[in-house]
Amino acid sequence: MVKVAIFDFGAGNIFSLKNSLENAGASVDVISNFDKPNEYSGLLLPGVGNFDPAIKSITKSSKTGFKDFVKDVTPVLGICLGMEMFFEKSEEGKEKGLGIMDGEVIILPDTMKVPHMGWNDLEIKKSGKILEGVENGSWVYFVHSYRVKPTSNDIITAESDYGIKVPAVVEQDNFFGTQFHPEKSSSVGKIMIKNFLDVCKR
């Protein structure tokens, strides 16, 4: 059985994510520090909270730091806010992002109702590890006010179209991000959760 960790920002209920992972066969710990990297085969950054408090909770939670932790614990799946923290900065806050991916996070345009909530379909741009078995046009569930703006589109594996193109899935090395919530995305989300756990087993 693969063992993974969910980092708890202390900002909201992550029960549905933990439940989805356990239903897919994983052993799951909810952690608030990065002091035991050798116990886990993967890490999840959930999609609850705000940018600055979440970044501060990560940077203050370990003597060795997040980046040292993930040298030993990859892959990493960032969901919504968790994905946004992969980037260098966000319009939601003043703190620096984790800087794993080049680019920034910007607010959705004022022509849209913010936060954007609801089901949107995926336009798959290229193959990706967590998209294996996911059909183009599959519907997933979003709740967000911001979107990522990568420096290079090469890391975008899927988009959604709200009248503007919103990166929905990004992938760089063993870092994966979804702007939507796979744990709330029915059978399509279950496929992605299983795919992530399969990567954790390798």
Foldseek 3Di string as FASTA:
>chain_A
DFEEEEEDLVFDDPVLVVVLLVVLPYHYDYDQALPDLQVHLAYEYEAGDFQPSSQVSQQPRYPVGDVVSVVRHDDYEYEASGVQLCEQEEPRDDDGGPHNFYFHKYFDDPVDDPPDWDKFFKAFDADDQLCVPPDHRQIFIAGHGIATDGPDCPQQGIWTPPVHTGRAWGDDDRYIYGNTDLSRGPPSSSSSSSSNVVVSVD
